[in-house]
Amino acid sequence: MDASHHKVALVTGSATGVGRACALRFAESGYRVVVNYPGDDEAEAQETCRLISEVNSESLLLRCDVSSNSQVQAMVSQVANKFGRLNVVVNNAGTTHFVPIDDLEAMDETKWDQIFAVNTKGPFFVARACRRLLELESDAAIVNVSSVAGISGFGSSIAYCASKGALNTITKSLAKSLAPKIRVNAVCPGPINSRWLRQDMSEAEIEARIATIPIPKLSQPEDIAKTIFYLAVQASMTTGQLLVVDGGRTM
């Protein structure tokens, strides 16, 4: 098949973790993948591209801070110039500050602004910038990577929980505003086996956290990537939904 017929997926924050697992999942299914990183993990983003090449797919590496609307617009212009199409957007880029939820003084304005800029404004900026390209396709989809923190109010910080709660609402709003041409859904993971989790928790704390979950183990990045792929590609009658993947923690 001519390369021009290959579908294209943009995965923000795809240098490591869930983003990398998503990029590889789409690449293995024949998609060309836009690998995005914010600026401080270029070497890891290049490694994602190398892994994509190992499964005989093509990647485009783009540096972009999704909290900057101008950078997002420039990124999407490069996607259009390179590939001329876009089928799937995965809004995976995210950030947090680890602040105990009872330490209200430590949850200062700077932390609030940084978290909301990336986790809430970023997905909106990306969806808006990608709309024109996505609407040219017959099977376009956006998947936002949210969190059970946005449902339960329990997570790395109050601001993080609030940002993901807002992203859940944005998901539903975009599903209405972009219908019927673009489906929009969100995946809400629980604890994931990641470097990010271990920045704040010891192995003993992690074990204690998951001990009472019906499926008492951490999700792997690949588990979340499979769910994202399902929402993006296979769930053709599903839009505006928040799919929880947490081993039963929030039920």
Protein backbone atom coordinates (compact mmCIF):
# COMPACT_ATOMS: atom_id res chain seq x y z
CA MET A 1 0.00 0.00 0.00
CA ASP A 2 1.24 3.49 -0.85
CA ALA A 3 2.41 5.44 2.19
CA SER A 4 -0.17 8.15 1.51
CA HIS A 5 -2.91 5.69 2.48
CA HIS A 6 -1.47 5.09 5.94
CA LYS A 7 -3.44 6.59 8.81
CA VAL A 8 -1.81 9.03 11.22
CA ALA A 9 -1.99 9.27 15.00
CA LEU A 10 -0.73 12.17 17.11
CA VAL A 11 0.19 11.20 20.67
CA THR A 12 1.14 14.08 22.93
CA GLY A 13 3.62 13.38 25.70
CA SER A 14 4.81 10.21 23.98
CA ALA A 15 8.45 10.12 25.09
CA THR A 16 7.82 7.67 27.92
CA GLY A 17 5.19 5.69 29.82
CA VAL A 18 1.63 5.52 28.55
CA GLY A 19 2.43 7.90 25.69
CA ARG A 20 5.20 5.69 24.37
CA ALA A 21 3.06 2.57 24.78
CA CYS A 22 0.30 4.29 22.77
CA ALA A 23 2.69 5.36 20.05
CA LEU A 24 3.93 1.80 19.67
CA ARG A 25 0.41 0.34 19.75
CA PHE A 26 -0.65 2.54 16.84
CA ALA A 27 2.60 1.95 14.96
CA GLU A 28 2.16 -1.81 15.26
CA SER A 29 -1.28 -1.37 13.66
CA GLY A 30 0.15 0.43 10.64
CA TYR A 31 -0.33 4.03 11.72
CA ARG A 32 2.29 6.66 11.16
CA VAL A 33 2.84 8.33 14.53
CA VAL A 34 3.57 11.89 15.55
CA VAL A 35 5.75 11.70 18.66
CA ASN A 36 5.46 14.81 20.82
CA TYR A 37 7.58 15.93 23.76
CA PRO A 38 7.64 19.23 25.70
CA GLY A 39 11.37 19.90 25.64
CA ASP A 40 13.10 18.19 28.54
CA ASP A 41 13.04 14.58 27.32
CA GLU A 42 14.23 14.69 23.72
CA ALA A 43 16.48 11.64 24.09
CA GLU A 44 13.59 9.53 25.34
CA ALA A 45 11.34 10.82 22.56
CA GLN A 46 13.99 9.84 20.03
CA GLU A 47 14.00 6.37 21.59
CA THR A 48 10.25 6.16 21.03
CA CYS A 49 10.85 6.98 17.36
CA ARG A 50 13.54 4.30 17.16
CA LEU A 51 11.15 1.72 18.58
CA ILE A 52 8.52 2.77 16.05
CA SER A 53 11.02 2.22 13.23
CA GLU A 54 11.63 -1.30 14.56
CA VAL A 55 8.02 -2.20 13.77
CA ASN A 56 8.44 -0.80 10.25
CA SER A 57 6.41 2.33 10.78
CA GLU A 58 7.19 6.02 10.29
CA SER A 59 7.30 8.71 12.94
CA LEU A 60 7.53 12.48 13.10
CA LEU A 61 9.25 13.91 16.16
CA LEU A 62 7.92 17.31 17.25
CA ARG A 63 8.77 19.40 20.26
CA CYS A 64 5.75 21.26 21.61
CA ASP A 65 4.52 22.48 24.97
CA VAL A 66 0.78 21.83 24.71
CA SER A 67 0.03 24.61 27.19
CA SER A 68 1.14 27.09 24.51
CA ASN A 69 -1.54 27.63 21.88
CA SER A 70 0.98 29.05 19.40
CA GLN A 71 3.24 26.00 19.76
CA VAL A 72 0.25 23.68 19.31
CA GLN A 73 -0.78 25.50 16.14
CA ALA A 74 2.76 25.21 14.79
CA MET A 75 2.90 21.49 15.64
CA VAL A 76 -0.33 20.73 13.82
CA SER A 77 0.84 22.74 10.80
CA GLN A 78 3.92 20.51 10.64
CA VAL A 79 1.72 17.41 10.80
CA ALA A 80 -0.37 18.73 7.92
CA ASN A 81 2.72 19.56 5.87
CA LYS A 82 4.34 16.18 6.49
CA PHE A 83 1.40 13.79 6.26
CA GLY A 84 -1.56 15.79 4.96
CA ARG A 85 -3.97 13.96 7.22
CA LEU A 86 -4.74 13.04 10.81
CA ASN A 87 -7.01 10.25 12.04
CA VAL A 88 -6.43 10.00 15.78
CA VAL A 89 -5.35 12.37 18.53
CA VAL A 90 -4.35 11.07 21.96
CA ASN A 91 -4.12 13.88 24.50
CA ASN A 92 -1.71 12.18 26.86
CA ALA A 93 0.59 15.03 27.92
CA GLY A 94 0.15 15.79 31.59
CA THR A 95 1.85 17.15 34.65
CA THR A 96 1.38 17.40 38.41
CA HIS A 97 2.90 18.53 41.67
CA PHE A 98 2.86 16.10 44.55
CA VAL A 99 1.17 18.03 47.34
CA PRO A 100 -0.74 16.30 50.18
CA ILE A 101 -4.42 17.11 49.82
CA ASP A 102 -4.60 18.42 53.39
CA ASP A 103 -1.70 20.86 52.88
CA LEU A 104 -3.72 23.70 51.39
CA GLU A 105 -0.98 26.30 51.84
CA ALA A 106 1.48 24.29 49.74
CA MET A 107 -0.98 24.18 46.83
CA ASP A 108 0.06 27.63 45.64
CA GLU A 109 -1.10 29.61 42.61
CA THR A 110 1.94 28.78 40.49
CA LYS A 111 1.31 25.05 40.87
CA TRP A 112 -2.38 25.51 40.06
CA ASP A 113 -1.56 27.43 36.91
CA GLN A 114 1.06 24.95 35.69
CA ILE A 115 -1.17 21.93 36.21
CA PHE A 116 -4.24 23.47 34.57
CA ALA A 117 -2.23 24.89 31.68
CA VAL A 118 -1.01 21.43 30.63
CA ASN A 119 -3.80 19.11 31.79
CA THR A 120 -6.85 21.17 30.92
CA LYS A 121 -6.02 23.95 28.48
CA GLY A 122 -3.56 21.74 26.57
CA PRO A 123 -6.05 19.09 25.42
CA PHE A 124 -8.47 21.82 24.36
CA PHE A 125 -5.78 23.64 22.37
CA VAL A 126 -4.77 20.39 20.64
CA ALA A 127 -8.34 19.35 19.84
CA ARG A 128 -9.14 22.78 18.43
CA ALA A 129 -5.99 22.91 16.30
CA CYS A 130 -6.53 19.37 14.96
CA ARG A 131 -10.21 19.77 14.16
CA ARG A 132 -9.77 20.76 10.51
CA LEU A 133 -7.57 17.77 9.69
CA LEU A 134 -9.67 15.31 11.67
CA GLU A 135 -12.90 16.38 10.00
CA LEU A 136 -11.49 15.31 6.63
CA GLU A 137 -11.49 11.69 7.80
CA SER A 138 -14.42 9.30 8.09
CA ASP A 139 -13.23 7.68 11.32
CA ALA A 140 -11.65 10.48 13.33
CA ALA A 141 -11.30 10.21 17.09
CA ILE A 142 -9.81 12.01 20.06
CA VAL A 143 -8.95 10.19 23.27
CA ASN A 144 -8.11 12.23 26.35
CA VAL A 145 -5.96 10.58 29.02
CA SER A 146 -7.64 11.61 32.23
CA SER A 147 -7.49 9.92 35.64
CA VAL A 148 -9.68 8.40 38.32
CA ALA A 149 -8.43 11.35 40.37
CA GLY A 150 -10.89 13.45 38.38
CA ILE A 151 -13.72 11.22 39.61
CA SER A 152 -12.72 10.39 43.18
CA GLY A 153 -10.94 13.63 44.15
CA PHE A 154 -7.98 11.59 45.40
CA GLY A 155 -4.63 11.92 43.69
CA SER A 156 -1.26 13.63 43.66
CA SER A 157 -2.75 17.03 44.55
CA ILE A 158 -6.03 18.90 44.70
CA ALA A 159 -5.13 20.83 41.57
CA TYR A 160 -4.35 17.61 39.68
CA CYS A 161 -7.71 16.10 40.67
CA ALA A 162 -9.49 19.30 39.64
CA SER A 163 -7.67 19.45 36.31
CA LYS A 164 -8.69 15.90 35.45
CA GLY A 165 -12.26 16.52 36.58
CA ALA A 166 -12.30 19.48 34.20
CA LEU A 167 -10.83 17.31 31.43
CA ASN A 168 -13.66 14.83 31.94
CA THR A 169 -16.16 17.63 31.40
CA ILE A 170 -14.23 18.95 28.40
CA THR A 171 -14.40 15.45 26.92
CA LYS A 172 -18.19 15.49 27.08
CA SER A 173 -18.41 19.05 25.75
CA LEU A 174 -16.11 18.29 22.82
CA ALA A 175 -18.03 15.10 22.06
CA LYS A 176 -21.12 17.26 21.58
CA SER A 177 -19.44 20.11 19.71
CA LEU A 178 -17.39 17.94 17.33
CA ALA A 179 -20.12 15.40 16.54
CA PRO A 180 -20.84 13.70 14.26
CA LYS A 181 -17.50 13.82 12.46
CA ILE A 182 -15.15 13.35 15.45
CA ARG A 183 -15.68 11.02 18.38
CA VAL A 184 -14.25 12.17 21.72
CA ASN A 185 -13.74 9.91 24.74
CA ALA A 186 -11.50 9.69 27.77
CA VAL A 187 -9.72 6.92 29.62
CA CYS A 188 -9.42 7.30 33.39
CA PRO A 189 -6.55 5.16 34.69
CA GLY A 190 -5.85 4.32 38.29
CA PRO A 191 -2.27 3.82 39.52
CA ILE A 192 0.12 2.97 36.68
CA ASN A 193 3.50 1.28 36.95
CA SER A 194 5.52 4.33 35.99
CA ARG A 195 8.48 6.48 36.90
CA TRP A 196 6.02 9.26 37.72
CA LEU A 197 4.33 7.20 40.46
CA ARG A 198 7.65 6.34 42.05
CA GLN A 199 8.66 9.99 42.26
CA ASP A 200 6.38 10.28 45.28
CA MET A 201 5.82 6.77 46.62
CA SER A 202 8.03 3.98 47.93
CA GLU A 203 7.46 0.36 46.93
CA ALA A 204 5.92 -0.30 50.36
CA GLU A 205 3.50 2.62 49.91
CA ILE A 206 2.55 1.39 46.46
CA GLU A 207 1.87 -2.11 47.77
CA ALA A 208 -0.30 -0.70 50.55
CA ARG A 209 -2.20 1.46 48.07
CA ILE A 210 -3.12 -1.43 45.77
CA ALA A 211 -3.66 -4.12 48.42
CA THR A 212 -7.40 -3.50 48.75
CA ILE A 213 -8.14 -3.10 45.04
CA PRO A 214 -10.23 -5.99 43.58
CA ILE A 215 -7.45 -6.55 41.01
CA PRO A 216 -4.54 -5.80 43.37
CA LYS A 217 -1.81 -4.69 41.01
CA LEU A 218 -0.66 -1.63 39.12
CA SER A 219 -1.76 -1.14 35.54
CA GLN A 220 1.02 -1.34 32.99
CA PRO A 221 1.35 1.43 30.38
CA GLU A 222 0.41 -1.18 27.76
CA ASP A 223 -2.89 -1.84 29.57
CA ILE A 224 -3.88 1.79 29.18
CA ALA A 225 -2.63 1.91 25.59
CA LYS A 226 -4.88 -1.03 24.67
CA THR A 227 -7.87 0.81 26.09
CA ILE A 228 -6.96 4.02 24.26
CA PHE A 229 -6.64 2.09 20.99
CA TYR A 230 -10.04 0.54 21.58
CA LEU A 231 -11.68 3.93 22.13
CA ALA A 232 -9.89 5.47 19.15
CA VAL A 233 -10.33 2.71 16.59
CA GLN A 234 -12.81 0.07 17.60
CA ALA A 235 -15.59 1.78 19.59
CA SER A 236 -17.26 3.35 16.55
CA MET A 237 -20.55 4.09 18.35
CA THR A 238 -18.97 5.45 21.52
CA THR A 239 -18.49 9.14 22.24
CA GLY A 240 -18.53 11.37 25.31
CA GLN A 241 -17.62 8.48 27.60
CA LEU A 242 -15.16 8.17 30.51
CA LEU A 243 -13.76 4.63 30.62
CA VAL A 244 -12.26 3.80 34.03
CA VAL A 245 -9.32 1.40 34.03
CA ASP A 246 -8.26 0.99 37.66
CA GLY A 247 -8.63 -2.65 38.66
CA GLY A 248 -11.97 -1.87 40.33
CA ARG A 249 -10.58 0.74 42.72
CA THR A 250 -13.38 3.28 42.28
CA MET A 251 -16.39 0.98 41.99
